[in-house]
Protein backbone atom coordinates (compact mmCIF):
# COMPACT_ATOMS: atom_id res chain seq x y z
CA UNK A 1 -46.17 -0.77 1.41
CA UNK A 2 -44.09 -3.93 2.10
CA UNK A 3 -40.31 -4.12 1.69
CA UNK A 4 -40.29 -5.71 -1.67
CA UNK A 5 -42.48 -3.00 -3.24
CA UNK A 6 -40.43 -0.35 -1.55
CA UNK A 7 -37.22 -1.78 -3.08
CA UNK A 8 -38.71 -1.96 -6.50
CA UNK A 9 -39.94 1.58 -6.25
CA UNK A 10 -36.57 3.01 -5.01
CA UNK A 11 -34.71 1.04 -7.75
CA UNK A 12 -37.03 2.31 -10.41
CA UNK A 13 -36.99 6.02 -9.45
CA UNK A 14 -33.51 6.40 -7.89
CA UNK A 15 -31.44 9.01 -9.58
CA UNK A 16 -28.28 8.01 -11.53
CA UNK A 17 -25.79 8.70 -8.58
CA UNK A 18 -25.58 6.57 -5.45
CA UNK A 19 -25.99 9.50 -3.12
CA UNK A 20 -29.20 11.59 -3.44
CA UNK A 21 -30.73 14.57 -1.65
CA UNK A 22 -34.25 14.99 -0.38
CA UNK A 23 -34.88 17.47 -3.16
CA UNK A 24 -33.59 15.00 -5.84
CA UNK A 25 -35.61 12.09 -4.55
CA UNK A 26 -38.65 14.35 -4.29
CA UNK A 27 -38.33 15.35 -7.88
CA UNK A 28 -38.10 11.67 -8.68
CA UNK A 29 -41.41 11.06 -6.98
CA UNK A 30 -40.08 9.60 -3.81
CA UNK A 31 -41.93 11.38 -1.12
CA UNK A 32 -40.87 11.71 2.55
CA UNK A 33 -43.20 9.08 3.80
CA UNK A 34 -41.69 6.60 1.23
CA UNK A 35 -38.13 7.56 2.49
CA UNK A 36 -39.09 7.18 6.16
CA UNK A 37 -40.66 3.60 5.41
CA UNK A 38 -37.50 2.65 3.40
CA UNK A 39 -35.29 3.64 6.37
CA UNK A 40 -37.41 1.71 8.83
CA UNK A 41 -37.30 -1.31 6.58
CA UNK A 42 -33.57 -1.19 6.23
CA UNK A 43 -33.59 -0.47 2.51
CA UNK A 44 -32.31 3.01 2.74
CA UNK A 45 -29.66 4.74 4.79
CA UNK A 46 -29.69 8.47 5.79
CA UNK A 47 -26.01 9.37 6.14
CA UNK A 48 -26.83 13.05 7.07
CA UNK A 49 -30.00 14.92 7.28
CA UNK A 50 -31.21 15.27 3.67
CA UNK A 51 -28.65 12.83 2.18
CA UNK A 52 -29.62 9.27 1.41
CA UNK A 53 -28.23 6.11 -0.01
CA UNK A 54 -29.64 2.72 -0.78
CA UNK A 55 -28.21 0.29 1.74
CA UNK A 56 -27.21 -2.26 -1.00
CA UNK A 57 -24.98 0.47 -2.58
CA UNK A 58 -23.43 1.25 0.90
CA UNK A 59 -22.68 -2.44 1.76
CA UNK A 60 -20.80 -3.07 -1.48
CA UNK A 61 -18.79 0.19 -1.31
CA UNK A 62 -15.12 -0.04 -0.43
CA UNK A 63 -13.91 1.86 2.78
CA UNK A 64 -12.44 4.55 0.64
CA UNK A 65 -15.51 4.89 -1.50
CA UNK A 66 -17.56 5.23 1.85
CA UNK A 67 -15.31 8.11 2.95
CA UNK A 68 -15.89 9.92 -0.34
CA UNK A 69 -19.64 9.32 -0.02
CA UNK A 70 -19.61 10.91 3.36
CA UNK A 71 -18.20 14.10 1.79
CA UNK A 72 -21.05 13.88 -0.79
CA UNK A 73 -23.63 13.52 2.03
CA UNK A 74 -22.14 16.48 3.75
CA UNK A 75 -22.19 18.54 0.60
CA UNK A 76 -25.95 17.63 -0.12
CA UNK A 77 -27.04 18.36 3.56
CA UNK A 78 -25.25 21.76 3.77
CA UNK A 79 -26.34 23.10 0.32
CA UNK A 80 -22.86 23.04 -1.11
CA UNK A 81 -21.67 26.05 0.83
CA UNK A 82 -18.70 24.43 2.72
CA UNK A 83 -15.14 24.80 1.76
CA UNK A 84 -13.51 21.35 1.91
CA UNK A 85 -9.91 21.15 2.95
CA UNK A 86 -7.21 18.90 4.30
CA UNK A 87 -7.96 15.24 3.79
CA UNK A 88 -11.39 15.88 2.23
CA UNK A 89 -9.86 18.27 -0.31
CA UNK A 90 -7.29 15.57 -1.09
CA UNK A 91 -9.99 13.03 -1.74
CA UNK A 92 -11.92 15.65 -4.00
CA UNK A 93 -8.78 16.33 -5.91
CA UNK A 94 -8.62 12.49 -6.47
CA UNK A 95 -5.17 12.29 -4.64
CA UNK A 96 -4.08 8.91 -3.12
CA UNK A 97 -4.80 8.79 0.55
CA UNK A 98 -3.83 6.12 3.15
CA UNK A 99 -4.82 5.59 6.74
CA UNK A 100 -6.11 9.15 7.22
CA UNK A 101 -9.48 8.49 8.86
CA UNK A 102 -13.07 9.08 7.82
CA UNK A 103 -13.70 12.54 9.08
CA UNK A 104 -14.96 15.24 6.71
CA UNK A 105 -12.60 18.30 6.88
CA UNK A 106 -13.97 21.80 6.28
CA UNK A 107 -12.25 25.27 6.73
CA UNK A 108 -14.21 28.32 7.70
CA UNK A 109 -13.47 31.74 8.99
CA UNK A 110 -16.52 31.65 11.22
CA UNK A 111 -18.04 29.31 13.74
CA UNK A 112 -19.80 26.54 12.00
CA UNK A 113 -23.50 25.95 12.59
CA UNK A 114 -24.68 22.57 14.12
CA UNK A 115 -26.25 21.78 10.61
CA UNK A 116 -22.82 21.97 8.91
CA UNK A 117 -20.76 20.29 11.56
CA UNK A 118 -21.39 16.91 13.39
CA UNK A 119 -19.56 14.05 15.00
CA UNK A 120 -17.88 13.12 11.72
CA UNK A 121 -16.82 16.65 10.74
CA UNK A 122 -13.56 18.47 11.68
CA UNK A 123 -13.75 22.14 11.31
CA UNK A 124 -10.61 24.21 10.84
CA UNK A 125 -10.71 27.97 11.52
CA UNK A 126 -8.63 29.99 8.89
CA UNK A 127 -9.10 32.92 6.67
CA UNK A 128 -8.62 31.60 3.23
CA UNK A 129 -7.62 33.85 0.39
CA UNK A 130 -8.98 33.47 -3.22
CA UNK A 131 -5.75 32.00 -4.30
CA UNK A 132 -6.10 29.28 -1.68
CA UNK A 133 -9.36 27.91 -3.22
CA UNK A 134 -10.32 25.77 -6.16
CA UNK A 135 -13.72 25.02 -7.70
CA UNK A 136 -14.32 21.40 -8.64
CA UNK A 137 -17.25 19.78 -10.18
CA UNK A 138 -19.40 17.09 -8.43
CA UNK A 139 -20.87 14.08 -10.34
CA UNK A 140 -24.20 15.94 -10.58
CA UNK A 141 -22.50 18.94 -12.23
CA UNK A 142 -22.63 21.21 -9.13
CA UNK A 143 -19.67 23.36 -8.01
CA UNK A 144 -17.73 22.06 -4.93
CA UNK A 145 -15.42 24.57 -3.15
CA UNK A 146 -12.06 23.11 -2.04
CA UNK A 147 -8.70 24.42 -1.09
CA UNK A 148 -6.22 24.29 -3.98
CA UNK A 149 -4.26 21.18 -4.55
CA UNK A 150 -0.97 22.88 -3.25
CA UNK A 151 -2.70 24.34 -0.26
CA UNK A 152 -4.18 20.93 0.47
CA UNK A 153 -0.83 19.24 0.63
CA UNK A 154 0.43 21.82 3.07
CA UNK A 155 -2.69 21.64 5.30
CA UNK A 156 -2.45 17.82 5.35
CA UNK A 157 1.30 18.08 6.32
CA UNK A 158 0.24 20.06 9.37
CA UNK A 159 -2.15 17.53 10.73
CA UNK A 160 -0.91 14.18 9.53
CA UNK A 161 2.12 12.00 10.19
CA UNK A 162 4.79 12.33 7.54
CA UNK A 163 4.10 9.01 5.76
CA UNK A 164 0.34 9.75 5.29
CA UNK A 165 0.94 13.31 4.10
CA UNK A 166 3.70 12.05 1.60
CA UNK A 167 1.28 9.69 -0.04
CA UNK A 168 -1.06 12.73 -0.72
CA UNK A 169 1.86 15.01 -1.63
CA UNK A 170 3.47 12.64 -4.04
CA UNK A 171 0.31 12.06 -6.01
CA UNK A 172 -0.34 15.89 -5.98
CA UNK A 173 2.96 16.31 -7.84
CA UNK A 174 1.89 13.56 -10.37
CA UNK A 175 -1.25 15.64 -10.85
CA UNK A 176 0.61 18.95 -11.60
CA UNK A 177 1.22 20.53 -8.14
CA UNK A 178 4.63 22.10 -7.91
CA UNK A 179 7.13 22.13 -5.01
CA UNK A 180 8.09 25.84 -5.57
CA UNK A 181 4.50 26.92 -5.48
CA UNK A 182 4.00 25.12 -2.22
CA UNK A 183 7.15 26.65 -0.76
CA UNK A 184 6.01 30.06 -1.77
CA UNK A 185 2.51 29.48 -0.19
CA UNK A 186 4.07 28.39 3.01
CA UNK A 187 6.38 31.42 3.11
CA UNK A 188 3.41 33.78 2.51
CA UNK A 189 0.99 32.01 4.95
CA UNK A 190 0.23 33.87 8.10
CA UNK A 191 -0.36 30.48 9.78
CA UNK A 192 3.04 29.44 11.40
CA UNK A 193 1.69 26.35 13.30
CA UNK A 194 2.89 23.22 11.54
CA UNK A 195 5.18 24.98 9.17
CA UNK A 196 8.14 22.77 10.32
CA UNK A 197 6.13 19.72 9.51
CA UNK A 198 5.24 21.12 6.02
CA UNK A 199 8.90 21.83 5.34
CA UNK A 200 9.84 18.41 6.31
CA UNK A 201 7.20 17.02 3.91
CA UNK A 202 8.32 19.11 0.97
CA UNK A 203 11.88 17.83 1.53
CA UNK A 204 10.85 14.19 0.95
CA UNK A 205 8.25 14.44 -1.81
CA UNK A 206 8.85 12.75 -5.14
CA UNK A 207 6.40 12.67 -8.08
CA UNK A 208 7.91 9.63 -9.49
CA UNK A 209 6.11 7.44 -6.86
CA UNK A 210 2.97 6.26 -8.63
CA UNK A 211 1.07 4.44 -5.77
CA UNK A 212 0.57 4.42 -2.10
CA UNK A 213 2.85 1.38 -1.82
CA UNK A 214 5.66 3.01 -3.88
CA UNK A 215 5.57 6.19 -1.65
CA UNK A 216 5.65 4.09 1.59
CA UNK A 217 8.45 1.90 0.22
CA UNK A 218 10.45 4.91 -0.80
CA UNK A 219 10.20 6.48 2.59
CA UNK A 220 11.13 3.20 4.28
CA UNK A 221 14.18 2.87 2.09
CA UNK A 222 15.09 6.33 3.00
CA UNK A 223 14.70 5.67 6.75
CA UNK A 224 17.00 2.63 6.40
CA UNK A 225 19.67 4.67 4.61
CA UNK A 226 19.21 2.93 1.36
CA UNK A 227 19.19 6.12 -0.82
CA UNK A 228 20.96 4.41 -3.68
CA UNK A 229 17.68 2.96 -5.01
CA UNK A 230 16.35 5.20 -7.80
CA UNK A 231 12.60 5.38 -8.45
CA UNK A 232 11.25 4.50 -11.79
CA UNK A 233 14.59 3.47 -13.12
CA UNK A 234 14.64 2.36 -16.81
CA UNK A 235 16.51 -0.77 -17.64
CA UNK A 236 17.19 -1.90 -21.18
CA UNK A 237 16.36 -5.68 -21.80
CA UNK A 238 15.82 -8.03 -24.69
CA UNK A 239 12.15 -7.48 -24.27
CA UNK A 240 12.49 -3.63 -24.37
CA UNK A 241 12.94 -1.05 -21.57
CA UNK A 242 11.74 -2.17 -18.21
CA UNK A 243 10.83 0.61 -15.69
CA UNK A 244 11.54 -0.65 -12.28
CA UNK A 245 9.85 0.75 -9.15
CA UNK A 246 13.29 1.12 -7.60
CA UNK A 247 16.71 0.17 -8.72
CA UNK A 248 20.39 0.33 -7.69
CA UNK A 249 22.44 0.37 -10.75
CA UNK A 250 25.75 -0.35 -8.79
CA UNK A 251 24.44 -3.59 -7.02
CA UNK A 252 21.98 -4.28 -10.06
CA UNK A 253 19.14 -4.95 -7.63
CA UNK A 254 15.62 -4.04 -8.30
CA UNK A 255 12.83 -3.64 -5.78
CA UNK A 256 9.30 -3.95 -7.00
CA UNK A 257 6.24 -3.07 -4.83
CA UNK A 258 3.57 -5.67 -5.41
CA UNK A 259 0.12 -4.21 -4.48
CA UNK A 260 -3.00 -6.50 -5.18
CA UNK A 261 -4.41 -3.98 -7.54
CA UNK A 262 -1.38 -4.16 -9.78
CA UNK A 263 -2.48 -7.63 -10.84
CA UNK A 264 -6.20 -7.21 -10.85
CA UNK A 265 -7.18 -3.79 -11.93
CA UNK A 266 -6.59 -3.74 -15.70
CA UNK A 267 -5.91 -7.10 -17.28
CA UNK A 268 -6.72 -10.81 -16.36
CA UNK A 269 -4.54 -12.06 -13.59
CA UNK A 270 -2.90 -14.88 -15.60
CA UNK A 271 -1.92 -12.52 -18.41
CA UNK A 272 -0.39 -9.91 -16.04
CA UNK A 273 1.51 -12.62 -14.17
CA UNK A 274 2.86 -14.11 -17.36
CA UNK A 275 4.10 -10.77 -18.54
CA UNK A 276 5.61 -10.03 -15.18
CA UNK A 277 7.51 -13.26 -15.18
CA UNK A 278 8.80 -12.63 -18.71
CA UNK A 279 10.08 -9.20 -17.75
CA UNK A 280 11.76 -10.58 -14.66
CA UNK A 281 13.41 -13.27 -16.65
CA UNK A 282 14.74 -10.61 -19.12
CA UNK A 283 16.03 -8.61 -16.09
CA UNK A 284 17.85 -11.71 -14.70
CA UNK A 285 19.39 -12.29 -18.12
CA UNK A 286 20.78 -8.77 -17.96
CA UNK A 287 22.35 -9.53 -14.51
CA UNK A 288 19.75 -7.96 -12.24
CA UNK A 289 18.17 -9.54 -9.21
CA UNK A 290 14.60 -8.67 -8.28
CA UNK A 291 13.16 -8.37 -4.74
CA UNK A 292 9.40 -8.02 -4.32
CA UNK A 293 7.88 -6.04 -1.47
CA UNK A 294 4.28 -6.55 -0.25
CA UNK A 295 2.06 -4.52 2.11
CA UNK A 296 2.89 -6.74 5.08
CA UNK A 297 6.70 -6.25 4.58
CA UNK A 298 6.30 -2.56 5.15
CA UNK A 299 5.23 -3.17 8.84
CA UNK A 300 8.57 -4.95 9.48
CA UNK A 301 11.43 -2.58 8.31
CA UNK A 302 14.00 -4.59 10.10
CA UNK A 303 13.19 -7.78 8.31
CA UNK A 304 12.93 -5.99 4.97
CA UNK A 305 16.40 -4.33 5.55
CA UNK A 306 17.83 -7.78 6.13
CA UNK A 307 16.24 -9.24 2.92
CA UNK A 308 17.60 -6.24 0.92
CA UNK A 309 21.13 -6.75 2.38
CA UNK A 310 21.06 -10.42 1.52
CA UNK A 311 19.96 -9.93 -2.09
CA UNK A 312 22.54 -7.18 -2.51
CA UNK A 313 25.27 -9.48 -1.19
CA UNK A 314 24.03 -12.29 -3.46
CA UNK A 315 24.17 -9.95 -6.42
CA UNK A 316 27.84 -8.94 -5.63
CA UNK A 317 28.76 -12.61 -5.40
CA UNK A 318 27.11 -13.54 -8.70
CA UNK A 319 28.78 -10.62 -10.49
CA UNK A 320 32.06 -11.57 -9.04
CA UNK A 321 31.73 -15.06 -10.32
CA UNK A 322 30.89 -13.71 -13.72
CA UNK A 323 33.99 -11.46 -13.82
CA UNK A 324 36.15 -14.32 -12.59
CA UNK A 325 35.24 -16.42 -15.62
């Protein structure tokens, strides 16, 4: 069978989800010999033994989508018996993640078999209690075992730098996790390694951060000693109440994190930009100045600190001029 016919056959019989197991494909009439031929032709990829995805689906997937697909592939290849934890549990709980690597994380209380491990799998040995676990549902309706969202945050704190762990922890708070529950889990846990790191994380989490960029900006402001900036601060304007990412009521300076998705995910770009410009003009009329922070600015904290100091000085001068009139 030539490549064109193989492609047509796969497209016609492929299950509804991008990732599929040997069993699912067999039920759809795609036998082992067809799968082997499709792999040799470059039409199909086998991410793990018994877990397949069409090459076209893999190529268009974003990096973070590929990381999630690797968890699905592990799930299909191991029969759904693994208990996903750490970064993988964070992904399964749909928490924001940033710069955490592509490894699949599982936690067991026994030595993993070669089938369930592999080069892209990191195994953690720990005796998990029933209260440490959650059951989620995969796209095909099958149960997926993970650590609870609170346990996941603590586990991530033990192995990740503070910034990466805070991205996960902030979003976990948005999704209903509680600081007091995490403190209690930490106190009751027999595992002491990494406890200091987990406590340090709990001390800086803030559920008001609504994105990766906002979490990273908040931590950067904190590291620079600029703790006067309040997250999600509401400001009344002529156009209604404006909720700033960060605002300092005394200097009347607003800091907005501008991630690309903010302008492209939900509405046409021109409509979003026009609304943003109108809100910014309304803020200026109320005596506020706005500083916009982008991804590349976070990598240069010294320069960002200088920009913030400059706009705060400018705000003080402008307010002084107004008072002098």
